[in-house]
Amino acid sequence: MEEIAILQQQYQMIKGSREVVLDFAAQHLSDLLQVQVPAFDKSIAYLLVHNANVYLHWTANFAMQFNREYANENAFTSISSIRELYSMVDLMVDTFLNHYRSKLNEVVSGITANGQNEQSTPLEIFTHVITHEFHHKGQLLSMFRLLGHTPPDADVIRF
């Protein structure tokens, strides 16, 4: 199997895990998306939008120099609007993976969020954005619990 096909398959599993989180939030926490969770000093909407922005930054703006605008978490007050944002993210990830399909280990240069010119490989960028999502997914599940809900099993492998 081609390397890129493996990464695409992996991203499909990540999207499935994300859907578990979004489905749960839509069913149980839709009225609490903008509530600041004191232990994190952030809201559910903030973390979901922040994570989408990180995907857009690294795949679109850094690696492909598209200069996409970042989403403002205050504009996302429903899971359906957050799903629309992630649809754009999914298209960008697909574009990124297809663009670098045979160049996963070639060095690319780009501008970081703090304005520094840096270098990375597409494989490093992809690894960064997916591990970043799982880091915040853990935080989201903790927020769900702090808001009084037993979080769902959102691992890639779910039983």
Protein backbone atom coordinates (compact mmCIF):
# COMPACT_ATOMS: atom_id res chain seq x y z
CA MET A 1 0.00 0.00 0.00
CA GLU A 2 1.27 3.45 -0.90
CA GLU A 3 2.35 5.59 2.10
CA ILE A 4 -0.20 8.28 1.30
CA ALA A 5 -3.02 5.73 1.26
CA ILE A 6 -2.06 4.69 4.78
CA LEU A 7 -2.17 8.31 5.98
CA GLN A 8 -5.52 8.84 4.26
CA GLN A 9 -6.87 5.70 5.92
CA GLN A 10 -5.52 6.89 9.25
CA TYR A 11 -7.23 10.26 8.81
CA GLN A 12 -10.54 8.47 8.14
CA MET A 13 -10.20 6.78 11.54
CA ILE A 14 -9.44 10.14 13.16
CA LYS A 15 -12.56 11.64 11.58
CA GLY A 16 -14.59 8.75 12.99
CA SER A 17 -13.25 9.43 16.46
CA ARG A 18 -14.00 13.13 16.04
CA GLU A 19 -17.58 12.32 15.03
CA VAL A 20 -18.10 10.44 18.30
CA VAL A 21 -17.10 13.59 20.19
CA LEU A 22 -19.23 15.88 18.03
CA ASP A 23 -22.26 13.56 18.21
CA PHE A 24 -22.00 13.41 22.00
CA ALA A 25 -21.63 17.18 22.29
CA ALA A 26 -24.63 17.70 20.00
CA GLN A 27 -26.79 15.32 22.05
CA HIS A 28 -25.76 16.36 25.56
CA LEU A 29 -23.91 19.68 25.59
CA SER A 30 -25.29 21.85 22.79
CA ASP A 31 -26.39 24.51 25.28
CA LEU A 32 -22.96 24.51 26.97
CA LEU A 33 -20.64 24.95 23.97
CA GLN A 34 -19.65 28.51 24.89
CA VAL A 35 -19.48 27.96 28.68
CA GLN A 36 -16.01 28.47 30.13
CA VAL A 37 -14.95 25.33 32.00
CA PRO A 38 -13.01 26.71 34.99
CA ALA A 39 -10.43 23.90 35.15
CA PHE A 40 -9.40 24.73 31.56
CA ASP A 41 -10.41 28.41 31.35
CA LYS A 42 -11.71 27.50 27.89
CA SER A 43 -14.99 26.42 26.34
CA ILE A 44 -15.84 23.34 24.29
CA ALA A 45 -16.35 25.56 21.24
CA TYR A 46 -13.00 27.23 21.80
CA LEU A 47 -11.09 23.92 21.82
CA LEU A 48 -12.92 22.54 18.79
CA VAL A 49 -12.32 25.70 16.76
CA HIS A 50 -8.73 26.03 18.00
CA ASN A 51 -8.03 22.51 16.82
CA ALA A 52 -9.54 23.23 13.39
CA ASN A 53 -7.41 26.38 13.17
CA VAL A 54 -4.28 24.37 13.89
CA TYR A 55 -5.11 22.04 11.01
CA LEU A 56 -5.65 25.04 8.75
CA HIS A 57 -2.50 26.77 9.91
CA TRP A 58 -0.14 23.86 9.36
CA THR A 59 -1.63 22.22 6.27
CA ALA A 60 -2.89 25.31 4.41
CA ASN A 61 -0.96 28.33 5.59
CA PHE A 62 2.41 26.85 6.54
CA ALA A 63 2.84 23.97 4.10
CA MET A 64 0.87 25.25 1.13
CA GLN A 65 1.03 29.02 1.78
CA PHE A 66 -2.69 29.54 1.13
CA ASN A 67 -3.18 32.33 3.73
CA ARG A 68 -6.52 30.99 4.99
CA GLU A 69 -8.26 33.08 7.61
CA TYR A 70 -8.64 31.49 10.99
CA ALA A 71 -12.05 30.83 12.48
CA ASN A 72 -13.21 32.82 15.50
CA GLU A 73 -14.55 30.48 18.19
CA ASN A 74 -17.20 33.02 19.21
CA ALA A 75 -18.82 32.62 15.80
CA PHE A 76 -19.43 28.91 16.37
CA THR A 77 -22.45 28.45 18.60
CA SER A 78 -23.69 25.10 17.32
CA ILE A 79 -22.25 21.69 16.54
CA SER A 80 -23.61 22.00 13.01
CA SER A 81 -21.50 25.13 12.40
CA ILE A 82 -18.48 23.37 13.91
CA ARG A 83 -19.10 20.39 11.61
CA GLU A 84 -19.08 22.79 8.64
CA LEU A 85 -15.72 24.10 9.80
CA TYR A 86 -14.36 20.55 10.01
CA SER A 87 -15.68 19.82 6.51
CA MET A 88 -13.37 22.60 5.32
CA VAL A 89 -10.56 21.13 7.42
CA ASP A 90 -11.14 17.69 5.89
CA LEU A 91 -10.94 19.15 2.37
CA MET A 92 -7.74 20.95 3.28
CA VAL A 93 -6.18 17.81 4.75
CA ASP A 94 -7.13 15.90 1.61
CA THR A 95 -5.60 18.64 -0.57
CA PHE A 96 -2.46 18.66 1.59
CA LEU A 97 -2.03 14.87 1.50
CA ASN A 98 -2.60 14.70 -2.25
CA HIS A 99 -0.20 17.58 -2.87
CA TYR A 100 2.57 15.92 -0.86
CA ARG A 101 1.66 12.31 -1.71
CA SER A 102 5.12 11.48 -3.06
CA LYS A 103 7.02 14.10 -1.06
CA LEU A 104 6.20 13.25 2.56
CA ASN A 105 9.80 13.58 3.72
CA GLU A 106 10.82 16.62 1.68
CA VAL A 107 11.49 19.76 3.67
CA VAL A 108 9.00 22.59 3.27
CA SER A 109 9.40 26.12 4.57
CA GLY A 110 6.66 28.25 6.02
CA ILE A 111 5.72 30.88 8.54
CA THR A 112 4.73 29.75 12.04
CA ALA A 113 1.90 31.30 14.04
CA ASN A 114 4.43 33.57 15.78
CA GLY A 115 5.79 34.82 12.44
CA GLN A 116 8.98 32.77 12.31
CA ASN A 117 10.18 31.17 9.09
CA GLU A 118 10.70 27.49 9.86
CA GLN A 119 11.08 24.17 8.09
CA SER A 120 9.34 20.84 8.52
CA THR A 121 8.31 17.84 6.45
CA PRO A 122 4.74 17.05 5.41
CA LEU A 123 4.92 13.85 7.47
CA GLU A 124 5.93 15.85 10.55
CA ILE A 125 3.15 18.36 9.90
CA PHE A 126 0.53 15.62 9.50
CA THR A 127 1.76 13.88 12.64
CA HIS A 128 1.66 17.17 14.54
CA VAL A 129 -1.92 18.06 13.60
CA ILE A 130 -3.37 14.63 14.35
CA THR A 131 -1.60 14.27 17.70
CA HIS A 132 -2.65 17.83 18.53
CA GLU A 133 -6.28 16.87 17.86
CA PHE A 134 -6.03 13.85 20.17
CA HIS A 135 -4.43 15.96 22.90
CA HIS A 136 -7.40 18.33 22.80
CA LYS A 137 -9.88 15.47 22.43
CA GLY A 138 -8.70 14.26 25.85
CA GLN A 139 -9.28 17.73 27.23
CA LEU A 140 -12.75 17.84 25.69
CA LEU A 141 -13.68 14.52 27.24
CA SER A 142 -12.49 15.83 30.62
CA MET A 143 -14.62 18.94 30.09
CA PHE A 144 -17.64 16.73 29.37
CA ARG A 145 -17.09 14.98 32.70
CA LEU A 146 -16.62 18.28 34.56
CA LEU A 147 -19.91 19.45 33.06
CA GLY A 148 -21.65 16.39 34.54
CA HIS A 149 -21.63 13.94 31.63
CA THR A 150 -19.85 10.60 31.33
CA PRO A 151 -17.87 10.99 28.11
CA PRO A 152 -18.13 8.47 25.27
CA ASP A 153 -15.38 6.11 24.18
CA ALA A 154 -13.79 8.19 21.44
CA ASP A 155 -10.69 6.13 20.78
CA VAL A 156 -9.92 5.10 17.22
CA ILE A 157 -10.65 1.53 18.33
CA ARG A 158 -14.03 1.56 20.05
CA PHE A 159 -15.78 -1.44 21.60
